[in-house]
Structures are given as structure tokens and as C-alpha cells.
Amino acid sequence: MRIYLVVIDESPESRVALRFAARRAIKTGGAVEILALVPPQEFVAWGGVQAAMEEEARLRAEALVVAAAGALFEESGVEPKITVCGGEPVAVVRELLSNRPETAALVLGASETGGPGPLVSYFAGSAAGTMSCPVMIVPGGLSDEALDRLS
């Protein structure tokens, strides 16, 4: 089965990327996997504070991905696989892709304003030729109607 891996965060462009991936999955008989990343937290001298900060970041990421999955199912009927991983974002995505050969594409959203984020910069930059699957970068400024036409 073709799986479209979508990395989401709290940005509007990740919502656009998720909608695009869901539409592609429906048209190709594939599935969607939503990945929420929990970036490493800055070191705090007191272990209890550090653990609380890490737990709060993980809970925030889990809530985000559950909400996105619910909205996706409600909108399109696609029930995505949910993954929450902690660590350095580029390394986490590379490892996930290396362990999942069934991934048809990595789908990332590009911000409508400002420069590309670190994942878009990395995966569309020097690493593009070494990827095990295509990278789809969806412009964050696309309307739902434009996404429907393109996908």
C-alpha cells in the first residue's frame, strides 16, 4: 500500500500538506501517516524539571496529531496512522523513511511567507537525490479548491 508520510506541526502549511496527502491517498488507494515531532528540549540542570518539560512537549505533540487525525477523518474519511517521535527532526524523518520502504512520498508544507523551514530546506536541498521516496512540497498558500484540482 502507498503511504504518504506527512510531518505536521501547528503551522497552517502543515494542514495544507495533510489535505493534499489525504486526497492523493484516496485517489491512489493509499494511506496517510501523520508524524508529529517532539524536538529535543534544552538541558535543564534539575532532572525533574527536564522530565516535566519533555513530557509537556510530548503531550502537546500527541494532542496536535490526534486533532489533525480527527479532522482528516471527518473531512475525507481517511483514517491515518499516527506517529509521535522525539529527537532531532531531520534524523527522525530519515530514520522513519529508512525503516518504512512502503512510504510512497514524504509530504511537507512550505510556508506562504518567509523562507523554507528546516525540513523543507534539508529534504529539498542537498539530501533530495539520496531520498528513498519522492518529496512533495505543498505551497502553504493554496486554497482548498486549488488543492482539490491539483490532487
Protein backbone atom coordinates (compact mmCIF):
# COMPACT_ATOMS: atom_id res chain seq x y z
CA MET A 1 0.00 0.00 0.00
CA ARG A 2 1.21 3.50 -0.84
CA ILE A 3 1.73 5.53 2.32
CA TYR A 4 2.02 9.31 2.29
CA LEU A 5 4.06 10.47 5.28
CA VAL A 6 3.06 13.96 6.40
CA VAL A 7 5.02 15.88 9.01
CA ILE A 8 2.72 18.22 10.90
CA ASP A 9 3.12 20.97 13.43
CA GLU A 10 0.99 23.92 14.46
CA SER A 11 1.56 25.81 11.19
CA PRO A 12 -1.17 26.38 8.58
CA GLU A 13 1.03 24.91 5.83
CA SER A 14 1.06 21.53 7.57
CA ARG A 15 -2.75 21.47 7.35
CA VAL A 16 -2.48 22.11 3.60
CA ALA A 17 0.09 19.31 3.23
CA LEU A 18 -2.16 16.93 5.17
CA ARG A 19 -5.17 17.70 2.96
CA PHE A 20 -3.05 17.17 -0.17
CA ALA A 21 -1.73 13.83 1.14
CA ALA A 22 -5.24 12.65 2.03
CA ARG A 23 -6.54 13.50 -1.45
CA ARG A 24 -3.60 11.66 -3.07
CA ALA A 25 -4.16 8.65 -0.80
CA ILE A 26 -7.84 8.49 -1.74
CA LYS A 27 -7.07 8.69 -5.47
CA THR A 28 -4.27 6.12 -5.38
CA GLY A 29 -5.78 3.68 -2.89
CA GLY A 30 -3.10 4.57 -0.38
CA ALA A 31 -2.93 5.62 3.24
CA VAL A 32 -1.68 8.56 5.27
CA GLU A 33 0.72 8.54 8.17
CA ILE A 34 0.87 11.68 10.29
CA LEU A 35 4.16 12.35 12.04
CA ALA A 36 4.41 14.83 14.89
CA LEU A 37 7.91 15.62 16.04
CA VAL A 38 8.94 16.38 19.59
CA PRO A 39 12.18 18.32 19.27
CA PRO A 40 14.86 17.81 21.90
CA GLN A 41 14.40 20.13 24.86
CA GLU A 42 17.14 22.40 26.11
CA PHE A 43 19.09 20.96 29.00
CA VAL A 44 17.90 21.98 32.47
CA ALA A 45 20.10 21.26 35.47
CA TRP A 46 17.25 19.80 37.55
CA GLY A 47 16.17 16.40 36.26
CA GLY A 48 12.56 16.72 37.42
CA VAL A 49 12.11 19.99 35.55
CA GLN A 50 13.72 18.49 32.44
CA ALA A 51 11.40 15.48 32.56
CA ALA A 52 8.33 17.71 33.03
CA MET A 53 9.34 19.86 30.04
CA GLU A 54 9.83 16.79 27.85
CA GLU A 55 6.50 15.29 28.94
CA GLU A 56 4.69 18.58 28.24
CA ALA A 57 6.22 18.76 24.74
CA ARG A 58 5.22 15.16 24.02
CA LEU A 59 1.65 15.71 25.26
CA ARG A 60 1.35 18.84 23.09
CA ALA A 61 2.55 16.89 20.04
CA GLU A 62 0.18 14.00 20.78
CA ALA A 63 -2.78 16.36 21.14
CA LEU A 64 -1.85 18.06 17.87
CA VAL A 65 -1.63 14.80 15.91
CA VAL A 66 -4.84 13.39 17.39
CA ALA A 67 -6.72 16.58 16.49
CA ALA A 68 -5.28 16.51 12.96
CA ALA A 69 -6.21 12.85 12.54
CA GLY A 70 -9.74 13.51 13.73
CA ALA A 71 -10.17 16.46 11.37
CA LEU A 72 -8.76 14.42 8.48
CA PHE A 73 -11.13 11.52 9.14
CA GLU A 74 -14.11 13.85 9.47
CA GLU A 75 -13.25 15.71 6.25
CA SER A 76 -12.18 12.87 3.98
CA GLY A 77 -12.94 9.55 5.66
CA VAL A 78 -9.22 8.70 5.69
CA GLU A 79 -8.10 7.15 8.96
CA PRO A 80 -4.40 7.93 9.25
CA LYS A 81 -1.70 6.13 11.15
CA ILE A 82 -0.37 8.35 13.94
CA THR A 83 3.29 8.55 14.90
CA VAL A 84 4.88 10.79 17.53
CA CYS A 85 8.67 10.73 17.74
CA GLY A 86 11.16 12.66 19.79
CA GLY A 87 14.57 13.76 18.64
CA GLU A 88 16.28 15.92 16.07
CA PRO A 89 13.65 16.36 13.30
CA VAL A 90 15.77 15.59 10.21
CA ALA A 91 17.28 12.49 11.82
CA VAL A 92 13.87 11.24 12.96
CA VAL A 93 12.33 11.61 9.49
CA ARG A 94 15.34 9.96 7.78
CA GLU A 95 15.23 7.01 10.17
CA LEU A 96 11.48 6.63 9.78
CA LEU A 97 11.80 6.60 5.98
CA SER A 98 14.64 4.07 6.08
CA ASN A 99 12.50 1.72 8.18
CA ARG A 100 9.40 2.08 6.01
CA PRO A 101 10.05 1.13 2.38
CA GLU A 102 6.29 1.27 1.67
CA THR A 103 6.36 5.07 2.01
CA ALA A 104 5.30 6.48 -1.36
CA ALA A 105 6.18 10.10 -0.59
CA LEU A 106 7.24 12.49 2.13
CA VAL A 107 4.75 15.37 2.08
CA LEU A 108 5.84 18.69 3.56
CA GLY A 109 4.12 22.06 3.65
CA ALA A 110 6.02 25.20 2.64
CA SER A 111 5.27 28.45 4.40
CA GLU A 112 3.45 31.08 2.38
CA THR A 113 5.76 33.75 3.80
CA GLY A 114 9.39 33.69 4.82
CA GLY A 115 11.98 31.11 3.96
CA PRO A 116 11.58 27.35 3.99
CA GLY A 117 11.65 25.55 7.29
CA PRO A 118 14.46 23.18 8.25
CA LEU A 119 12.75 20.04 6.92
CA VAL A 120 11.92 21.58 3.54
CA SER A 121 15.42 23.04 3.30
CA TYR A 122 17.06 19.72 4.07
CA PHE A 123 14.89 17.29 2.13
CA ALA A 124 14.54 19.50 -0.95
CA GLY A 125 18.17 20.57 -0.79
CA SER A 126 21.33 18.52 -0.66
CA ALA A 127 19.52 15.35 0.50
CA ALA A 128 16.97 15.34 -2.34
CA GLY A 129 18.97 12.97 -4.52
CA THR A 130 19.51 10.45 -1.75
CA MET A 131 15.88 10.01 -0.72
CA SER A 132 14.20 6.61 -0.82
CA CYS A 133 10.95 8.21 -1.96
CA PRO A 134 9.81 11.42 -3.65
CA VAL A 135 9.46 14.58 -1.59
CA MET A 136 6.28 16.54 -2.24
CA ILE A 137 6.39 20.15 -1.12
CA VAL A 138 2.94 21.70 -1.00
CA PRO A 139 2.72 25.50 -1.05
CA GLY A 140 1.06 26.64 2.15
CA GLY A 141 -0.94 29.36 0.42
CA LEU A 142 -3.03 27.00 -1.71
CA SER A 143 -6.78 27.16 -1.17
CA ASP A 144 -8.84 24.02 -0.65
CA GLU A 145 -10.20 24.39 -4.20
CA ALA A 146 -6.68 24.61 -5.64
CA LEU A 147 -5.63 21.55 -3.64
CA ASP A 148 -8.62 19.62 -4.92
CA ARG A 149 -7.71 20.47 -8.51
CA LEU A 150 -4.05 19.51 -8.06
CA SER A 151 -4.57 16.29 -6.20
